[in-house]
Amino acid sequence: QVQLVESGGGLVQAGDSLRLSCTTSGRISDNDVAGWFRQAPGEEREFVAAIRWSAGTTAYADSVKGRFAISKDNPKKTLYVHMRTLKPEDTATYYCVTANAFSTQATEYNSWGQGTQVTVAS
């Protein structure tokens, strides 16, 4: 089991940027996928972005494509998502996740962090 701890959330204004970090512990295999989901109040968990741990292949939700960039630092075992041009609709709790393969389905991700809140004021 992989342990995940997110940080970097906060209150920002629309148009601002923010970078979330996720420190990992435990074994992440080269072919594993790490990523981010988010959940707004009253909504389902939504896929945001994912990256193959070794190869660096990425995938993004259409809603964040071109604004968010997922990256990783393998020696530090840390995952990031750099969020630009934030919108009020990006307001949510953001979760760091890992899985064995790419998927946009929350049920396919077997490790979850506790989440970090991002609030974007208009």
C-alpha atoms as a PDB file:
ATOM      1  CA  GLN A   1       0.000   0.000   0.000  1.00  0.00           C
ATOM      2  CA  VAL A   2       1.226   3.461  -0.883  1.00  0.00           C
ATOM      3  CA  GLN A   3       0.749   6.344   1.538  1.00  0.00           C
ATOM      4  CA  LEU A   4      -0.016   9.729   0.024  1.00  0.00           C
ATOM      5  CA  VAL A   5       0.011  13.166   1.646  1.00  0.00           C
ATOM      6  CA  GLU A   6      -1.170  16.236  -0.254  1.00  0.00           C
ATOM      7  CA  SER A   7      -0.228  19.838   0.439  1.00  0.00           C
ATOM      8  CA  GLY A   8      -0.414  23.229  -1.212  1.00  0.00           C
ATOM      9  CA  GLY A   9      -4.124  23.938  -1.218  1.00  0.00           C
ATOM     10  CA  GLY A  10      -5.560  27.286  -0.256  1.00  0.00           C
ATOM     11  CA  LEU A  11      -7.754  30.232  -1.147  1.00  0.00           C
ATOM     12  CA  VAL A  12      -6.879  32.041  -4.380  1.00  0.00           C
ATOM     13  CA  GLN A  13      -8.485  34.493  -6.767  1.00  0.00           C
ATOM     14  CA  ALA A  14      -9.782  33.565 -10.204  1.00  0.00           C
ATOM     15  CA  GLY A  15      -6.932  33.679 -12.689  1.00  0.00           C
ATOM     16  CA  ASP A  16      -4.298  32.820 -10.091  1.00  0.00           C
ATOM     17  CA  SER A  17      -1.980  29.823 -10.124  1.00  0.00           C
ATOM     18  CA  LEU A  18      -1.383  27.187  -7.460  1.00  0.00           C
ATOM     19  CA  ARG A  19       0.810  24.118  -7.192  1.00  0.00           C
ATOM     20  CA  LEU A  20      -0.268  21.060  -5.246  1.00  0.00           C
ATOM     21  CA  SER A  21       2.254  18.521  -4.020  1.00  0.00           C
ATOM     22  CA  CYS A  22       1.846  14.902  -3.006  1.00  0.00           C
ATOM     23  CA  THR A  23       4.561  13.115  -1.074  1.00  0.00           C
ATOM     24  CA  THR A  24       4.497   9.350  -1.386  1.00  0.00           C
ATOM     25  CA  SER A  25       5.841   6.560   0.750  1.00  0.00           C
ATOM     26  CA  GLY A  26       5.793   2.863   0.098  1.00  0.00           C
ATOM     27  CA  ARG A  27       6.536   1.148  -3.166  1.00  0.00           C
ATOM     28  CA  ILE A  28       5.425   2.651  -6.460  1.00  0.00           C
ATOM     29  CA  SER A  29       6.213   0.441  -9.422  1.00  0.00           C
ATOM     30  CA  ASP A  30       7.557   1.888 -12.662  1.00  0.00           C
ATOM     31  CA  ASN A  31       4.338   1.033 -14.489  1.00  0.00           C
ATOM     32  CA  ASP A  32       2.081   2.452 -11.803  1.00  0.00           C
ATOM     33  CA  VAL A  33       0.062   5.576 -12.466  1.00  0.00           C
ATOM     34  CA  ALA A  34      -0.169   8.506 -10.076  1.00  0.00           C
ATOM     35  CA  GLY A  35      -2.694  11.259 -10.422  1.00  0.00           C
ATOM     36  CA  TRP A  36      -5.209  13.702  -9.075  1.00  0.00           C
ATOM     37  CA  PHE A  37      -8.945  13.600  -8.572  1.00  0.00           C
ATOM     38  CA  ARG A  38     -11.135  16.342  -7.171  1.00  0.00           C
ATOM     39  CA  GLN A  39     -14.488  16.495  -5.486  1.00  0.00           C
ATOM     40  CA  ALA A  40     -16.703  19.521  -5.062  1.00  0.00           C
ATOM     41  CA  PRO A  41     -19.465  19.555  -2.425  1.00  0.00           C
ATOM     42  CA  GLY A  42     -22.417  17.486  -3.576  1.00  0.00           C
ATOM     43  CA  GLU A  43     -20.550  16.217  -6.621  1.00  0.00           C
ATOM     44  CA  GLU A  44     -18.956  12.939  -7.640  1.00  0.00           C
ATOM     45  CA  ARG A  45     -15.196  12.550  -7.581  1.00  0.00           C
ATOM     46  CA  GLU A  46     -13.798  13.798 -10.886  1.00  0.00           C
ATOM     47  CA  PHE A  47     -10.627  12.732 -12.675  1.00  0.00           C
ATOM     48  CA  VAL A  48      -8.177  15.608 -13.131  1.00  0.00           C
ATOM     49  CA  ALA A  49      -4.873  14.254 -14.421  1.00  0.00           C
ATOM     50  CA  ALA A  50      -2.562  11.255 -14.250  1.00  0.00           C
ATOM     51  CA  ILE A  51       1.023  10.352 -15.104  1.00  0.00           C
ATOM     52  CA  ARG A  52       2.863   7.063 -15.610  1.00  0.00           C
ATOM     53  CA  TRP A  53       5.413   6.902 -12.827  1.00  0.00           C
ATOM     54  CA  SER A  54       8.383   5.838 -14.940  1.00  0.00           C
ATOM     55  CA  ALA A  55       7.633   6.849 -18.520  1.00  0.00           C
ATOM     56  CA  GLY A  56       5.961  10.163 -17.708  1.00  0.00           C
ATOM     57  CA  THR A  57       3.034   9.639 -20.064  1.00  0.00           C
ATOM     58  CA  THR A  58       0.209  11.979 -19.044  1.00  0.00           C
ATOM     59  CA  ALA A  59      -3.560  12.236 -19.342  1.00  0.00           C
ATOM     60  CA  TYR A  60      -5.854  15.149 -18.510  1.00  0.00           C
ATOM     61  CA  ALA A  61      -9.529  15.826 -18.113  1.00  0.00           C
ATOM     62  CA  ASP A  62     -10.861  18.107 -20.831  1.00  0.00           C
ATOM     63  CA  SER A  63     -11.880  20.631 -18.192  1.00  0.00           C
ATOM     64  CA  VAL A  64      -8.267  21.243 -17.153  1.00  0.00           C
ATOM     65  CA  LYS A  65      -6.349  20.539 -20.354  1.00  0.00           C
ATOM     66  CA  GLY A  66      -4.094  23.451 -21.208  1.00  0.00           C
ATOM     67  CA  ARG A  67      -4.383  24.944 -17.712  1.00  0.00           C
ATOM     68  CA  PHE A  68      -3.090  22.177 -15.425  1.00  0.00           C
ATOM     69  CA  ALA A  69       0.235  20.374 -15.720  1.00  0.00           C
ATOM     70  CA  ILE A  70       1.027  17.172 -13.829  1.00  0.00           C
ATOM     71  CA  SER A  71       4.624  16.295 -13.084  1.00  0.00           C
ATOM     72  CA  LYS A  72       6.724  14.154 -10.762  1.00  0.00           C
ATOM     73  CA  ASP A  73      10.080  14.049  -9.094  1.00  0.00           C
ATOM     74  CA  ASN A  74      11.017  10.398  -8.906  1.00  0.00           C
ATOM     75  CA  PRO A  75      14.010  10.728  -6.514  1.00  0.00           C
ATOM     76  CA  LYS A  76      11.830  12.757  -4.129  1.00  0.00           C
ATOM     77  CA  LYS A  77       8.867  10.420  -4.769  1.00  0.00           C
ATOM     78  CA  THR A  78       6.701  13.502  -5.097  1.00  0.00           C
ATOM     79  CA  LEU A  79       3.833  14.230  -7.451  1.00  0.00           C
ATOM     80  CA  TYR A  80       2.763  17.727  -8.447  1.00  0.00           C
ATOM     81  CA  VAL A  81      -0.004  19.453 -10.295  1.00  0.00           C
ATOM     82  CA  HIS A  82       0.593  23.031 -11.382  1.00  0.00           C
ATOM     83  CA  MET A  83      -2.759  24.751 -11.844  1.00  0.00           C
ATOM     84  CA  ARG A  84      -2.941  27.967 -13.889  1.00  0.00           C
ATOM     85  CA  THR A  85      -5.756  30.329 -14.772  1.00  0.00           C
ATOM     86  CA  LEU A  86      -7.864  28.946 -11.956  1.00  0.00           C
ATOM     87  CA  LYS A  87     -11.620  29.317 -12.155  1.00  0.00           C
ATOM     88  CA  PRO A  88     -14.284  29.249  -9.421  1.00  0.00           C
ATOM     89  CA  GLU A  89     -15.448  25.907 -10.841  1.00  0.00           C
ATOM     90  CA  ASP A  90     -12.044  24.455  -9.945  1.00  0.00           C
ATOM     91  CA  THR A  91     -13.012  24.794  -6.281  1.00  0.00           C
ATOM     92  CA  ALA A  92     -12.859  21.311  -4.739  1.00  0.00           C
ATOM     93  CA  THR A  93     -10.953  18.991  -2.477  1.00  0.00           C
ATOM     94  CA  TYR A  94      -8.058  17.593  -4.482  1.00  0.00           C
ATOM     95  CA  TYR A  95      -6.899  14.032  -3.872  1.00  0.00           C
ATOM     96  CA  CYS A  96      -3.636  12.366  -4.806  1.00  0.00           C
ATOM     97  CA  VAL A  97      -4.123   8.797  -6.057  1.00  0.00           C
ATOM     98  CA  THR A  98      -2.265   5.807  -7.449  1.00  0.00           C
ATOM     99  CA  ALA A  99      -3.338   2.897  -9.633  1.00  0.00           C
ATOM    100  CA  ASN A 100      -1.901   0.092 -11.709  1.00  0.00           C
ATOM    101  CA  ALA A 101      -3.114   1.561 -15.001  1.00  0.00           C
ATOM    102  CA  PHE A 102      -4.508   4.710 -16.530  1.00  0.00           C
ATOM    103  CA  SER A 103      -8.184   5.258 -15.824  1.00  0.00           C
ATOM    104  CA  THR A 104     -10.602   8.126 -15.354  1.00  0.00           C
ATOM    105  CA  GLN A 105     -12.652   6.017 -12.952  1.00  0.00           C
ATOM    106  CA  ALA A 106     -12.140   6.628  -9.236  1.00  0.00           C
ATOM    107  CA  THR A 107     -12.784   2.966  -8.455  1.00  0.00           C
ATOM    108  CA  GLU A 108      -9.638   1.967 -10.351  1.00  0.00           C
ATOM    109  CA  TYR A 109      -7.380   3.919  -7.973  1.00  0.00           C
ATOM    110  CA  ASN A 110      -6.444   1.930  -4.883  1.00  0.00           C
ATOM    111  CA  SER A 111      -4.494   4.496  -2.844  1.00  0.00           C
ATOM    112  CA  TRP A 112      -5.865   7.895  -1.851  1.00  0.00           C
ATOM    113  CA  GLY A 113      -4.511  10.776   0.168  1.00  0.00           C
ATOM    114  CA  GLN A 114      -6.572  12.725   2.672  1.00  0.00           C
ATOM    115  CA  GLY A 115      -7.146  15.608   0.275  1.00  0.00           C
ATOM    116  CA  THR A 116      -6.292  19.294   0.201  1.00  0.00           C
ATOM    117  CA  GLN A 117      -8.850  22.057  -0.284  1.00  0.00           C
ATOM    118  CA  VAL A 118      -8.599  24.493  -3.155  1.00  0.00           C
ATOM    119  CA  THR A 119     -10.979  27.434  -3.156  1.00  0.00           C
ATOM    120  CA  VAL A 120     -11.075  29.862  -6.070  1.00  0.00           C
ATOM    121  CA  ALA A 121     -12.855  33.125  -5.389  1.00  0.00           C
ATOM    122  CA  SER A 122     -14.442  35.029  -8.243  1.00  0.00           C
END
